[in-house]
Structures are given as C-alpha cells and as structure tokens.
Amino acid sequence: IEKLILKFQNRTDFNNVNISIQHPGRMFAPEIIDSTFTIARGQHTVVTGRYSVIMMMNKPAYPCIPVPEDDKYYYDDCQQAWVYHKLVTMLGCGVPWMQHFTNTNTTICDKNLSRNASELYYRAMKSAKCQQPCCTMEVDMTNKFTTMTPNMTSLEIRFPPTVKEYMEIEIYALFNLLAELGGYLGLFLGVSVFDLKVLMDFLPAGQKK
C-alpha cells in the first residue's frame, strides 16, 4: 500500500495518546522511540514511514536468535515474561496494562503499591536480558507536517516504494589475521614456522629443553 489514513473520534483524549509503528513482536524494543509520535486535535497529520530490513550475524560477543528460529520468537514476550516475574516476586501484584495480569488471577497493585509497581515495571524493562532476533526491521517516521482541519482529526501514513536491506558479513576473520601475521614475519624477518623447526634441530639437546 502507498498510504494509510486513520480518522479519530472527537472524544479521543489526544493528551494521553502516543502512536508507535513497529513490526509484530517488537513493540518493546529500544528503537521504537524513533517511530513514536503524537498528534493534536483538529489537525491532519502526515508522516512518511521509512523502514529497512537488517540481517545481523550471530556472534559470540553479541548473540541473537538466528533464522528460521526467530519465526517463533517474539522479543516482546521475553520482555513481558521478565517484567511479570519481577513484579510477582518483589511485589506480589502487577500493573493493569499488562495482559499477564488482566488474563490471570494475579491481583493488580492497589494505590499504596501502584507507584512502586510502575517504577519497577520500567526498571525491569531495561534490565531484561532478552536476545534480539538476527533478522529485524528498523522503522523511522520522517517528514512530519500538519494542516488545520477544525472538524476532523486524522493521521496519514505514507509508505516508501522501496525497502532498504542491510546484511552483516564477516570480512576479516581470525584465520586471516594469523595468515597475514605469518606472511609479514616471513617477509621482514625471513623466518617461518618450518624454519623454527630446523633451527631447533641444530641446537644441543640441553638447550632444546
């Protein structure tokens, strides 16, 4: 589709509405801040969505969920499970906007614990050790402008005709490093691993030890 137009009812409380556009399973990902914005009553807001597909390598230092295992992995589920665990173990209750508490028998924190629950929720979101999927999508909203429409509030999202794709590849491995070091040693010192073996054969038995 080229564009999507959303119309809002007049009773909508726009002071408490944030609109975020992200692909499924990534609504709690850190980069969602780049695709979150607000709208005002009585205006027609137009934004352009720019998105790209990113394929990362599963590296020991920065592990990620590879393809196709990531088809059944949702970053949001991992984040919410961690937050639910922290709230239940530390407070014994939860926040009303999590489905873990609205669809279970676990109680919602009362007014005496509501502030502590809210603060713990956001701390737990930042401390979760959930792995990112190796194949992900980055969404940015750009070129935002508005026009006055006193009798209507609407949002128009325009989509680009092309999608950029980025792929992370290994261009310099450990094997290449060792090969180059060996080549430089042979070039400047005239010594190789085989030369060291020949040199050891000429040494007396006592010096070899």
N, C-alpha and C. Protein backbone atom coordinates (compact mmCIF):
# COMPACT_ATOMS: atom_id res chain seq x y z
N ILE A 1 0.85 -1.19 0.00
CA ILE A 1 0.00 0.00 0.00
C ILE A 1 0.88 1.25 0.00
N GLU A 2 0.35 2.32 -0.58
CA GLU A 2 1.10 3.57 -0.66
C GLU A 2 0.88 4.46 0.56
N LYS A 3 -0.34 4.43 1.11
CA LYS A 3 -0.61 5.25 2.29
C LYS A 3 -1.77 4.67 3.08
N LEU A 4 -1.82 5.06 4.35
CA LEU A 4 -2.87 4.62 5.26
C LEU A 4 -3.40 5.83 6.00
N ILE A 5 -4.73 6.02 5.99
CA ILE A 5 -5.36 7.17 6.63
C ILE A 5 -6.22 6.68 7.80
N LEU A 6 -5.97 7.24 8.98
CA LEU A 6 -6.72 6.91 10.18
C LEU A 6 -7.48 8.14 10.64
N LYS A 7 -8.77 7.97 10.94
CA LYS A 7 -9.61 9.07 11.44
C LYS A 7 -10.00 8.78 12.89
N PHE A 8 -9.93 9.80 13.74
CA PHE A 8 -10.17 9.65 15.16
C PHE A 8 -11.47 10.33 15.56
N GLN A 9 -12.14 9.75 16.56
CA GLN A 9 -13.36 10.33 17.08
C GLN A 9 -13.05 11.56 17.93
N ASN A 10 -14.03 12.45 18.04
CA ASN A 10 -13.82 13.71 18.76
C ASN A 10 -13.59 13.51 20.26
N ARG A 11 -14.09 12.42 20.81
CA ARG A 11 -13.91 12.19 22.26
C ARG A 11 -12.56 11.60 22.62
N THR A 12 -11.69 11.38 21.64
CA THR A 12 -10.36 10.82 21.91
C THR A 12 -9.53 11.79 22.74
N ASP A 13 -8.88 11.28 23.78
CA ASP A 13 -8.01 12.09 24.62
C ASP A 13 -6.60 12.10 24.02
N PHE A 14 -6.29 13.09 23.20
CA PHE A 14 -5.02 13.12 22.49
C PHE A 14 -3.84 13.48 23.40
N ASN A 15 -4.14 14.00 24.59
CA ASN A 15 -3.05 14.30 25.51
C ASN A 15 -2.40 13.04 26.08
N ASN A 16 -3.10 11.92 26.00
CA ASN A 16 -2.59 10.66 26.54
C ASN A 16 -2.44 9.60 25.44
N VAL A 17 -2.26 10.04 24.21
CA VAL A 17 -2.14 9.11 23.10
C VAL A 17 -0.77 9.26 22.44
N ASN A 18 -0.02 8.19 22.41
CA ASN A 18 1.22 8.12 21.65
C ASN A 18 1.06 7.05 20.58
N ILE A 19 1.45 7.37 19.38
CA ILE A 19 1.31 6.44 18.27
C ILE A 19 2.68 5.89 17.91
N SER A 20 2.79 4.58 17.90
CA SER A 20 4.04 3.91 17.56
C SER A 20 3.80 2.92 16.43
N ILE A 21 4.70 2.89 15.49
CA ILE A 21 4.61 1.97 14.35
C ILE A 21 5.83 1.06 14.40
N GLN A 22 5.58 -0.24 14.51
CA GLN A 22 6.66 -1.21 14.62
C GLN A 22 6.13 -2.56 14.12
N HIS A 23 7.02 -3.43 13.68
CA HIS A 23 6.56 -4.73 13.21
C HIS A 23 6.26 -5.63 14.39
N PRO A 24 5.46 -6.70 14.20
CA PRO A 24 4.98 -7.53 15.31
C PRO A 24 6.12 -8.10 16.15
N GLY A 25 5.88 -8.13 17.44
CA GLY A 25 6.84 -8.71 18.36
C GLY A 25 7.96 -7.77 18.77
N ARG A 26 7.89 -6.49 18.36
CA ARG A 26 8.98 -5.56 18.66
C ARG A 26 8.47 -4.26 19.28
N MET A 27 7.28 -4.29 19.86
CA MET A 27 6.73 -3.06 20.42
C MET A 27 7.50 -2.60 21.66
N PHE A 28 8.24 -3.48 22.30
CA PHE A 28 9.02 -3.10 23.49
C PHE A 28 10.50 -3.01 23.19
N ALA A 29 10.87 -3.02 21.91
CA ALA A 29 12.27 -2.89 21.54
C ALA A 29 12.75 -1.45 21.75
N PRO A 30 14.03 -1.24 22.05
CA PRO A 30 14.53 0.11 22.34
C PRO A 30 14.36 1.09 21.19
N GLU A 31 14.46 0.60 19.94
CA GLU A 31 14.43 1.51 18.81
C GLU A 31 13.04 2.04 18.49
N ILE A 32 12.02 1.63 19.26
CA ILE A 32 10.67 2.09 18.97
C ILE A 32 10.52 3.59 19.20
N ILE A 33 11.44 4.17 19.96
CA ILE A 33 11.38 5.62 20.20
C ILE A 33 11.50 6.41 18.90
N ASP A 34 12.16 5.82 17.89
CA ASP A 34 12.33 6.51 16.61
C ASP A 34 11.06 6.50 15.77
N SER A 35 10.09 5.65 16.14
CA SER A 35 8.85 5.57 15.35
C SER A 35 7.63 5.91 16.20
N THR A 36 7.83 6.70 17.27
CA THR A 36 6.74 7.10 18.16
C THR A 36 6.53 8.61 18.05
N PHE A 37 5.28 9.02 17.93
CA PHE A 37 4.97 10.44 17.81
C PHE A 37 3.56 10.70 18.34
N THR A 38 3.18 11.94 18.40
CA THR A 38 1.86 12.35 18.89
C THR A 38 1.14 13.14 17.81
N ILE A 39 -0.16 13.27 17.99
CA ILE A 39 -0.98 14.09 17.09
C ILE A 39 -1.85 15.01 17.93
N ALA A 40 -2.36 16.06 17.30
CA ALA A 40 -3.16 17.06 18.00
C ALA A 40 -4.58 17.08 17.44
N ARG A 41 -5.51 17.49 18.28
CA ARG A 41 -6.91 17.56 17.86
C ARG A 41 -7.10 18.65 16.80
N GLY A 42 -7.97 18.38 15.84
CA GLY A 42 -8.28 19.36 14.81
C GLY A 42 -7.20 19.54 13.77
N GLN A 43 -6.35 18.53 13.59
CA GLN A 43 -5.28 18.61 12.60
C GLN A 43 -5.23 17.33 11.77
N HIS A 44 -4.79 17.52 10.53
CA HIS A 44 -4.49 16.37 9.66
C HIS A 44 -2.98 16.22 9.62
N THR A 45 -2.48 15.16 10.25
CA THR A 45 -1.05 14.92 10.38
C THR A 45 -0.58 13.93 9.32
N VAL A 46 0.50 14.29 8.65
CA VAL A 46 1.06 13.43 7.61
C VAL A 46 2.49 13.07 7.99
N VAL A 47 2.80 11.79 8.01
CA VAL A 47 4.17 11.32 8.29
C VAL A 47 4.55 10.31 7.21
N THR A 48 5.84 10.24 6.96
CA THR A 48 6.38 9.29 5.99
C THR A 48 7.15 8.22 6.73
N GLY A 49 6.80 6.98 6.50
CA GLY A 49 7.48 5.87 7.13
C GLY A 49 8.67 5.42 6.31
N ARG A 50 9.79 5.25 6.95
CA ARG A 50 11.00 4.75 6.29
C ARG A 50 11.47 3.53 7.05
N TYR A 51 11.49 2.40 6.40
CA TYR A 51 11.87 1.19 7.11
C TYR A 51 12.86 0.38 6.29
N SER A 52 13.65 -0.39 7.01
CA SER A 52 14.70 -1.19 6.38
C SER A 52 14.82 -2.52 7.12
N VAL A 53 15.22 -3.56 6.40
CA VAL A 53 15.43 -4.89 6.95
C VAL A 53 16.91 -5.06 7.27
N ILE A 54 17.21 -5.52 8.48
CA ILE A 54 18.59 -5.67 8.93
C ILE A 54 18.84 -7.13 9.29
N MET A 55 19.85 -7.73 8.68
CA MET A 55 20.23 -9.11 8.96
C MET A 55 21.60 -9.09 9.65
N MET A 56 21.61 -9.43 10.94
CA MET A 56 22.84 -9.42 11.72
C MET A 56 23.43 -10.83 11.83
N MET A 57 24.72 -10.88 12.14
CA MET A 57 25.39 -12.16 12.37
C MET A 57 25.21 -12.57 13.84
N ASN A 58 25.13 -13.87 14.05
CA ASN A 58 25.04 -14.41 15.41
C ASN A 58 26.45 -14.56 15.95
N LYS A 59 26.95 -13.55 16.64
CA LYS A 59 28.33 -13.51 17.11
C LYS A 59 28.39 -13.88 18.60
N PRO A 60 29.48 -14.49 19.05
CA PRO A 60 29.60 -14.83 20.48
C PRO A 60 29.51 -13.61 21.39
N ALA A 61 30.07 -12.48 20.96
CA ALA A 61 30.03 -11.27 21.79
C ALA A 61 28.63 -10.64 21.81
N TYR A 62 27.91 -10.73 20.69
CA TYR A 62 26.56 -10.16 20.59
C TYR A 62 25.63 -11.21 19.98
N PRO A 63 25.21 -12.20 20.78
CA PRO A 63 24.37 -13.27 20.24
C PRO A 63 22.97 -12.77 19.88
N CYS A 64 22.37 -13.43 18.92
CA CYS A 64 21.00 -13.12 18.51
C CYS A 64 20.31 -14.41 18.09
N ILE A 65 18.99 -14.36 17.95
CA ILE A 65 18.21 -15.53 17.56
C ILE A 65 18.27 -15.65 16.04
N PRO A 66 18.86 -16.72 15.50
CA PRO A 66 19.04 -16.81 14.05
C PRO A 66 17.76 -17.20 13.32
N VAL A 67 17.82 -17.10 12.00
CA VAL A 67 16.74 -17.54 11.12
C VAL A 67 16.93 -19.03 10.87
N PRO A 68 15.86 -19.89 10.85
CA PRO A 68 14.44 -19.52 10.97
C PRO A 68 13.88 -19.63 12.38
N GLU A 69 14.74 -19.84 13.39
CA GLU A 69 14.23 -19.96 14.75
C GLU A 69 13.49 -18.71 15.20
N ASP A 70 13.83 -17.55 14.63
CA ASP A 70 13.21 -16.31 15.07
C ASP A 70 11.75 -16.18 14.64
N ASP A 71 11.27 -17.09 13.76
CA ASP A 71 9.87 -17.04 13.36
C ASP A 71 8.93 -17.29 14.53
N LYS A 72 9.40 -18.07 15.51
CA LYS A 72 8.58 -18.38 16.68
C LYS A 72 9.06 -17.64 17.93
N TYR A 73 9.94 -16.67 17.73
CA TYR A 73 10.48 -15.91 18.86
C TYR A 73 10.00 -14.47 18.79
N TYR A 74 9.43 -14.00 19.89
CA TYR A 74 8.95 -12.63 19.96
C TYR A 74 9.67 -11.92 21.11
N TYR A 75 10.36 -10.87 20.76
CA TYR A 75 11.11 -10.09 21.74
C TYR A 75 10.17 -9.58 22.84
N ASP A 76 8.98 -9.16 22.46
CA ASP A 76 8.03 -8.63 23.44
C ASP A 76 7.65 -9.67 24.48
N ASP A 77 7.44 -10.93 24.05
CA ASP A 77 7.05 -11.98 25.00
C ASP A 77 8.15 -12.21 26.04
N CYS A 78 9.40 -12.18 25.58
CA CYS A 78 10.52 -12.35 26.51
C CYS A 78 10.58 -11.18 27.50
N GLN A 79 10.41 -9.97 27.00
CA GLN A 79 10.44 -8.79 27.87
C GLN A 79 9.32 -8.84 28.91
N GLN A 80 8.10 -9.16 28.46
CA GLN A 80 6.96 -9.17 29.36
C GLN A 80 7.06 -10.29 30.39
N ALA A 81 7.60 -11.44 29.99
CA ALA A 81 7.76 -12.54 30.94
C ALA A 81 8.73 -12.16 32.05
N TRP A 82 9.80 -11.44 31.70
CA TRP A 82 10.76 -10.99 32.70
C TRP A 82 10.14 -9.96 33.65
N VAL A 83 9.40 -9.02 33.10
CA VAL A 83 8.76 -7.99 33.93
C VAL A 83 7.72 -8.63 34.85
N TYR A 84 6.95 -9.57 34.32
CA TYR A 84 5.95 -10.27 35.13
C TYR A 84 6.61 -10.99 36.30
N HIS A 85 7.74 -11.65 36.02
CA HIS A 85 8.47 -12.36 37.08
C HIS A 85 8.95 -11.39 38.17
N LYS A 86 9.49 -10.25 37.78
CA LYS A 86 9.99 -9.29 38.75
C LYS A 86 8.86 -8.71 39.60
N LEU A 87 7.74 -8.37 38.98
CA LEU A 87 6.62 -7.79 39.72
C LEU A 87 6.03 -8.78 40.71
N VAL A 88 5.85 -10.02 40.29
CA VAL A 88 5.23 -11.02 41.17
C VAL A 88 6.16 -11.39 42.32
N THR A 89 7.45 -11.55 42.05
CA THR A 89 8.38 -11.97 43.10
C THR A 89 8.69 -10.85 44.09
N MET A 90 8.69 -9.59 43.63
CA MET A 90 9.07 -8.49 44.51
C MET A 90 7.87 -7.80 45.15
N LEU A 91 6.74 -7.74 44.45
CA LEU A 91 5.57 -7.02 45.00
C LEU A 91 4.35 -7.92 45.19
N GLY A 92 4.30 -9.04 44.48
CA GLY A 92 3.15 -9.91 44.58
C GLY A 92 1.93 -9.42 43.84
N CYS A 93 2.09 -8.39 43.03
CA CYS A 93 0.99 -7.83 42.25
C CYS A 93 1.56 -7.21 40.99
N GLY A 94 0.68 -6.68 40.13
CA GLY A 94 1.16 -6.17 38.85
C GLY A 94 0.49 -4.89 38.43
N VAL A 95 0.77 -4.48 37.19
CA VAL A 95 0.23 -3.24 36.63
C VAL A 95 -0.94 -3.59 35.70
N PRO A 96 -1.92 -2.72 35.58
CA PRO A 96 -3.14 -3.06 34.84
C PRO A 96 -2.98 -3.12 33.33
N TRP A 97 -1.88 -2.57 32.77
CA TRP A 97 -1.76 -2.55 31.31
C TRP A 97 -1.04 -3.78 30.74
N MET A 98 -0.68 -4.73 31.61
CA MET A 98 -0.06 -5.97 31.13
C MET A 98 -1.10 -7.07 31.08
N GLN A 99 -1.15 -7.77 29.94
CA GLN A 99 -2.14 -8.83 29.79
C GLN A 99 -1.89 -10.01 30.73
N HIS A 100 -0.65 -10.13 31.23
CA HIS A 100 -0.35 -11.18 32.18
C HIS A 100 -1.19 -11.05 33.45
N PHE A 101 -1.59 -9.82 33.79
CA PHE A 101 -2.37 -9.59 34.99
C PHE A 101 -3.86 -9.46 34.70
N THR A 102 -4.23 -9.07 33.49
CA THR A 102 -5.65 -8.96 33.16
C THR A 102 -6.25 -10.31 32.79
N ASN A 103 -5.41 -11.26 32.33
CA ASN A 103 -5.91 -12.57 31.91
C ASN A 103 -5.63 -13.67 32.93
N THR A 104 -5.11 -13.33 34.09
CA THR A 104 -4.82 -14.33 35.12
C THR A 104 -5.45 -13.91 36.44
N ASN A 105 -5.26 -14.75 37.45
CA ASN A 105 -5.82 -14.46 38.77
C ASN A 105 -4.90 -13.59 39.62
N THR A 106 -3.74 -13.22 39.08
CA THR A 106 -2.82 -12.36 39.82
C THR A 106 -3.44 -10.98 40.01
N THR A 107 -3.35 -10.44 41.20
CA THR A 107 -4.01 -9.17 41.52
C THR A 107 -3.24 -7.98 40.97
N ILE A 108 -3.98 -6.90 40.75
CA ILE A 108 -3.39 -5.63 40.36
C ILE A 108 -2.99 -4.87 41.63
N CYS A 109 -1.86 -4.22 41.61
CA CYS A 109 -1.39 -3.48 42.79
C CYS A 109 -2.37 -2.38 43.16
N ASP A 110 -2.63 -2.21 44.44
CA ASP A 110 -3.53 -1.15 44.89
C ASP A 110 -2.81 0.19 44.88
N LYS A 111 -3.50 1.23 45.33
CA LYS A 111 -2.95 2.58 45.24
C LYS A 111 -1.71 2.75 46.12
N ASN A 112 -1.57 1.93 47.16
CA ASN A 112 -0.39 2.05 48.02
C ASN A 112 0.88 1.52 47.34
N LEU A 113 0.71 0.60 46.40
CA LEU A 113 1.85 0.00 45.71
C LEU A 113 1.92 0.37 44.23
N SER A 114 0.97 1.18 43.77
CA SER A 114 0.91 1.48 42.34
C SER A 114 2.15 2.20 41.84
N ARG A 115 2.65 3.15 42.64
CA ARG A 115 3.85 3.88 42.21
C ARG A 115 5.07 2.97 42.17
N ASN A 116 5.21 2.12 43.20
CA ASN A 116 6.33 1.18 43.22
C ASN A 116 6.24 0.21 42.06
N ALA A 117 5.04 -0.22 41.73
CA ALA A 117 4.86 -1.16 40.62
C ALA A 117 5.22 -0.52 39.29
N SER A 118 4.83 0.74 39.10
CA SER A 118 5.15 1.44 37.86
C SER A 118 6.66 1.63 37.71
N GLU A 119 7.33 2.04 38.79
CA GLU A 119 8.77 2.23 38.73
C GLU A 119 9.50 0.91 38.50
N LEU A 120 9.05 -0.16 39.16
CA LEU A 120 9.66 -1.47 38.98
C LEU A 120 9.44 -1.98 37.56
N TYR A 121 8.30 -1.67 36.99
CA TYR A 121 8.00 -2.10 35.62
C TYR A 121 9.03 -1.53 34.64
N TYR A 122 9.30 -0.24 34.73
CA TYR A 122 10.22 0.39 33.78
C TYR A 122 11.67 -0.01 34.06
N ARG A 123 12.02 -0.24 35.31
CA ARG A 123 13.37 -0.73 35.61
C ARG A 123 13.57 -2.14 35.07
N ALA A 124 12.55 -2.96 35.23
CA ALA A 124 12.65 -4.34 34.73
C ALA A 124 12.71 -4.38 33.21
N MET A 125 12.03 -3.48 32.54
CA MET A 125 12.08 -3.43 31.08
C MET A 125 13.50 -3.17 30.59
N LYS A 126 14.25 -2.34 31.33
CA LYS A 126 15.61 -2.01 30.93
C LYS A 126 16.61 -3.09 31.32
N SER A 127 16.29 -3.89 32.33
CA SER A 127 17.25 -4.88 32.81
C SER A 127 17.04 -6.26 32.20
N ALA A 128 16.01 -6.45 31.40
CA ALA A 128 15.76 -7.76 30.79
C ALA A 128 16.89 -8.14 29.85
N LYS A 129 17.30 -9.41 29.88
CA LYS A 129 18.41 -9.91 29.07
C LYS A 129 17.89 -10.68 27.85
N CYS A 130 16.92 -10.13 27.19
CA CYS A 130 16.33 -10.81 26.03
C CYS A 130 17.21 -10.60 24.79
N GLN A 131 17.41 -11.67 24.06
CA GLN A 131 18.22 -11.58 22.85
C GLN A 131 17.39 -10.99 21.70
N GLN A 132 18.07 -10.21 20.88
CA GLN A 132 17.43 -9.66 19.69
C GLN A 132 17.39 -10.72 18.60
N PRO A 133 16.37 -10.73 17.76
CA PRO A 133 16.40 -11.61 16.59
C PRO A 133 17.44 -11.13 15.58
N CYS A 134 18.11 -12.07 14.92
CA CYS A 134 19.15 -11.69 13.96
C CYS A 134 18.56 -10.91 12.79
N CYS A 135 17.35 -11.26 12.38
CA CYS A 135 16.68 -10.54 11.30
C CYS A 135 15.63 -9.62 11.92
N THR A 136 15.82 -8.34 11.77
CA THR A 136 14.91 -7.38 12.36
C THR A 136 14.61 -6.25 11.38
N MET A 137 13.71 -5.39 11.76
CA MET A 137 13.33 -4.27 10.90
C MET A 137 13.42 -2.98 11.69
N GLU A 138 13.95 -1.96 11.07
CA GLU A 138 14.08 -0.64 11.70
C GLU A 138 13.09 0.31 11.05
N VAL A 139 12.28 0.97 11.86
CA VAL A 139 11.23 1.86 11.36
C VAL A 139 11.49 3.27 11.86
N ASP A 140 11.51 4.23 10.96
CA ASP A 140 11.65 5.65 11.30
C ASP A 140 10.50 6.43 10.66
N MET A 141 10.01 7.41 11.39
CA MET A 141 8.97 8.27 10.86
C MET A 141 9.59 9.64 10.57
N THR A 142 9.53 10.07 9.32
CA THR A 142 10.17 11.31 8.90
C THR A 142 9.16 12.21 8.18
N ASN A 143 9.60 13.44 7.91
CA ASN A 143 8.82 14.41 7.11
C ASN A 143 7.42 14.60 7.67
N LYS A 144 7.34 14.90 8.95
CA LYS A 144 6.05 15.12 9.59
C LYS A 144 5.59 16.56 9.36
N PHE A 145 4.35 16.72 8.91
CA PHE A 145 3.76 18.06 8.78
C PHE A 145 2.26 17.95 9.02
N THR A 146 1.65 19.08 9.37
CA THR A 146 0.23 19.10 9.73
C THR A 146 -0.48 20.23 9.00
N THR A 147 -1.78 20.04 8.82
CA THR A 147 -2.68 21.07 8.30
C THR A 147 -3.90 21.15 9.21
N MET A 148 -4.45 22.33 9.38
CA MET A 148 -5.58 22.52 10.28
C MET A 148 -6.86 21.99 9.65
N THR A 149 -7.57 21.16 10.39
CA THR A 149 -8.89 20.64 9.99
C THR A 149 -9.78 20.69 11.22
N PRO A 150 -10.44 21.81 11.50
CA PRO A 150 -11.16 22.01 12.77
C PRO A 150 -12.20 20.95 13.08
N ASN A 151 -12.83 20.38 12.06
CA ASN A 151 -13.93 19.44 12.30
C ASN A 151 -13.49 17.98 12.25
N MET A 152 -12.19 17.73 12.11
CA MET A 152 -11.75 16.35 11.96
C MET A 152 -10.29 16.22 12.40
N THR A 153 -9.98 15.09 13.03
CA THR A 153 -8.61 14.76 13.39
C THR A 153 -8.23 13.47 12.69
N SER A 154 -7.16 13.51 11.93
CA SER A 154 -6.79 12.33 11.13
C SER A 154 -5.27 12.21 11.05
N LEU A 155 -4.84 11.03 10.69
CA LEU A 155 -3.42 10.72 10.54
C LEU A 155 -3.22 10.00 9.20
N GLU A 156 -2.30 10.51 8.41
CA GLU A 156 -1.97 9.89 7.13
C GLU A 156 -0.53 9.39 7.17
N ILE A 157 -0.36 8.09 6.97
CA ILE A 157 0.96 7.47 6.98
C ILE A 157 1.31 7.08 5.55
N ARG A 158 2.38 7.64 5.04
CA ARG A 158 2.82 7.34 3.68
C ARG A 158 4.01 6.37 3.73
N PHE A 159 3.96 5.38 2.85
CA PHE A 159 4.99 4.35 2.83
C PHE A 159 5.88 4.52 1.61
N PRO A 160 7.18 4.28 1.75
CA PRO A 160 8.10 4.43 0.62
C PRO A 160 7.93 3.31 -0.39
N PRO A 161 8.29 3.54 -1.64
CA PRO A 161 8.15 2.50 -2.67
C PRO A 161 9.20 1.41 -2.56
N THR A 162 10.29 1.65 -1.85
CA THR A 162 11.36 0.66 -1.73
C THR A 162 11.72 0.44 -0.27
N VAL A 163 12.31 -0.70 0.01
CA VAL A 163 12.77 -1.05 1.35
C VAL A 163 14.26 -1.35 1.28
N LYS A 164 15.04 -0.71 2.13
CA LYS A 164 16.48 -0.96 2.16
C LYS A 164 16.76 -2.23 2.97
N GLU A 165 17.77 -2.96 2.53
CA GLU A 165 18.16 -4.19 3.21
C GLU A 165 19.65 -4.13 3.54
N TYR A 166 19.98 -4.36 4.81
CA TYR A 166 21.36 -4.36 5.28
C TYR A 166 21.70 -5.76 5.79
N MET A 167 22.89 -6.25 5.40
CA MET A 167 23.33 -7.57 5.84
C MET A 167 24.74 -7.48 6.42
N GLU A 168 24.90 -8.00 7.62
CA GLU A 168 26.19 -8.00 8.29
C GLU A 168 26.97 -9.24 7.87
N ILE A 169 28.19 -9.06 7.39
CA ILE A 169 29.03 -10.17 6.94
C ILE A 169 30.40 -10.07 7.58
N GLU A 170 31.08 -11.18 7.67
CA GLU A 170 32.43 -11.21 8.23
C GLU A 170 33.44 -11.00 7.11
N ILE A 171 34.22 -9.94 7.20
CA ILE A 171 35.18 -9.63 6.15
C ILE A 171 36.62 -9.85 6.60
N TYR A 172 36.82 -10.04 7.89
CA TYR A 172 38.18 -10.24 8.39
C TYR A 172 38.12 -11.18 9.59
N ALA A 173 38.41 -12.47 9.36
CA ALA A 173 38.32 -13.48 10.40
C ALA A 173 39.66 -13.66 11.11
N LEU A 174 39.66 -14.43 12.18
CA LEU A 174 40.88 -14.72 12.93
C LEU A 174 41.89 -15.46 12.06
N PHE A 175 41.40 -16.34 11.21
CA PHE A 175 42.30 -17.08 10.31
C PHE A 175 43.05 -16.12 9.38
N ASN A 176 42.35 -15.11 8.88
CA ASN A 176 43.01 -14.13 8.02
C ASN A 176 44.09 -13.35 8.78
N LEU A 177 43.80 -13.04 10.04
CA LEU A 177 44.78 -12.31 10.85
C LEU A 177 46.05 -13.14 11.04
N LEU A 178 45.89 -14.41 11.39
CA LEU A 178 47.05 -15.27 11.59
C LEU A 178 47.84 -15.46 10.30
N ALA A 179 47.12 -15.59 9.19
CA ALA A 179 47.79 -15.77 7.91
C ALA A 179 48.61 -14.53 7.54
N GLU A 180 48.06 -13.35 7.80
CA GLU A 180 48.79 -12.13 7.48
C GLU A 180 49.99 -11.93 8.40
N LEU A 181 49.83 -12.25 9.68
CA LEU A 181 50.97 -12.13 10.60
C LEU A 181 52.11 -13.06 10.19
N GLY A 182 51.75 -14.29 9.81
CA GLY A 182 52.77 -15.22 9.34
C GLY A 182 53.45 -14.74 8.08
N GLY A 183 52.68 -14.13 7.20
CA GLY A 183 53.26 -13.60 5.97
C GLY A 183 54.20 -12.45 6.22
N TYR A 184 53.85 -11.55 7.15
CA TYR A 184 54.72 -10.42 7.45
C TYR A 184 56.01 -10.88 8.15
N LEU A 185 55.90 -11.88 9.03
CA LEU A 185 57.09 -12.40 9.68
C LEU A 185 58.07 -13.00 8.66
N GLY A 186 57.50 -13.74 7.72
CA GLY A 186 58.36 -14.31 6.69
C GLY A 186 58.95 -13.27 5.77
N LEU A 187 58.21 -12.19 5.54
CA LEU A 187 58.68 -11.16 4.62
C LEU A 187 59.79 -10.31 5.23
N PHE A 188 59.61 -9.88 6.48
CA PHE A 188 60.56 -8.94 7.08
C PHE A 188 61.66 -9.64 7.87
N LEU A 189 61.39 -10.81 8.44
CA LEU A 189 62.39 -11.50 9.24
C LEU A 189 62.98 -12.71 8.53
N GLY A 190 62.33 -13.14 7.50
CA GLY A 190 62.81 -14.32 6.80
C GLY A 190 62.66 -15.59 7.60
N VAL A 191 61.70 -15.61 8.52
CA VAL A 191 61.50 -16.76 9.40
C VAL A 191 60.08 -17.27 9.25
N SER A 192 59.94 -18.58 9.20
CA SER A 192 58.64 -19.21 9.17
C SER A 192 58.56 -20.28 10.24
N VAL A 193 57.43 -20.91 10.41
CA VAL A 193 57.28 -21.97 11.41
C VAL A 193 58.20 -23.14 11.09
N PHE A 194 58.32 -23.47 9.83
CA PHE A 194 59.20 -24.58 9.43
C PHE A 194 60.67 -24.25 9.69
N ASP A 195 61.05 -22.97 9.53
CA ASP A 195 62.42 -22.58 9.82
C ASP A 195 62.75 -22.73 11.30
N LEU A 196 61.78 -22.47 12.16
CA LEU A 196 62.00 -22.65 13.60
C LEU A 196 62.26 -24.10 13.94
N LYS A 197 61.58 -25.02 13.25
CA LYS A 197 61.82 -26.45 13.50
C LYS A 197 63.23 -26.85 13.09
N VAL A 198 63.70 -26.34 11.96
CA VAL A 198 65.06 -26.63 11.51
C VAL A 198 66.09 -26.07 12.48
N LEU A 199 65.82 -24.85 13.00
CA LEU A 199 66.72 -24.25 13.97
C LEU A 199 66.81 -25.06 15.25
N MET A 200 65.71 -25.62 15.70
CA MET A 200 65.70 -26.44 16.90
C MET A 200 66.50 -27.71 16.72
N ASP A 201 66.54 -28.25 15.50
CA ASP A 201 67.31 -29.47 15.25
C ASP A 201 68.81 -29.24 15.40
N PHE A 202 69.29 -28.02 15.18
CA PHE A 202 70.71 -27.71 15.29
C PHE A 202 71.14 -27.44 16.72
N LEU A 203 70.18 -27.16 17.61
CA LEU A 203 70.53 -26.87 18.99
C LEU A 203 70.89 -28.15 19.74
N PRO A 204 71.80 -28.06 20.73
CA PRO A 204 72.12 -29.23 21.55
C PRO A 204 70.90 -29.67 22.34
N ALA A 205 70.92 -30.91 22.78
CA ALA A 205 69.76 -31.47 23.50
C ALA A 205 69.45 -30.70 24.76
N GLY A 206 70.49 -30.23 25.48
CA GLY A 206 70.26 -29.48 26.73
C GLY A 206 69.58 -28.16 26.49
N GLN A 207 69.97 -27.46 25.40
CA GLN A 207 69.35 -26.17 25.11
C GLN A 207 67.93 -26.33 24.61
N LYS A 208 67.64 -27.45 23.94
CA LYS A 208 66.25 -27.68 23.49
C LYS A 208 65.30 -27.75 24.67
N LYS A 209 65.76 -28.40 25.79
CA LYS A 209 64.90 -28.49 26.95
C LYS A 209 64.69 -27.13 27.59
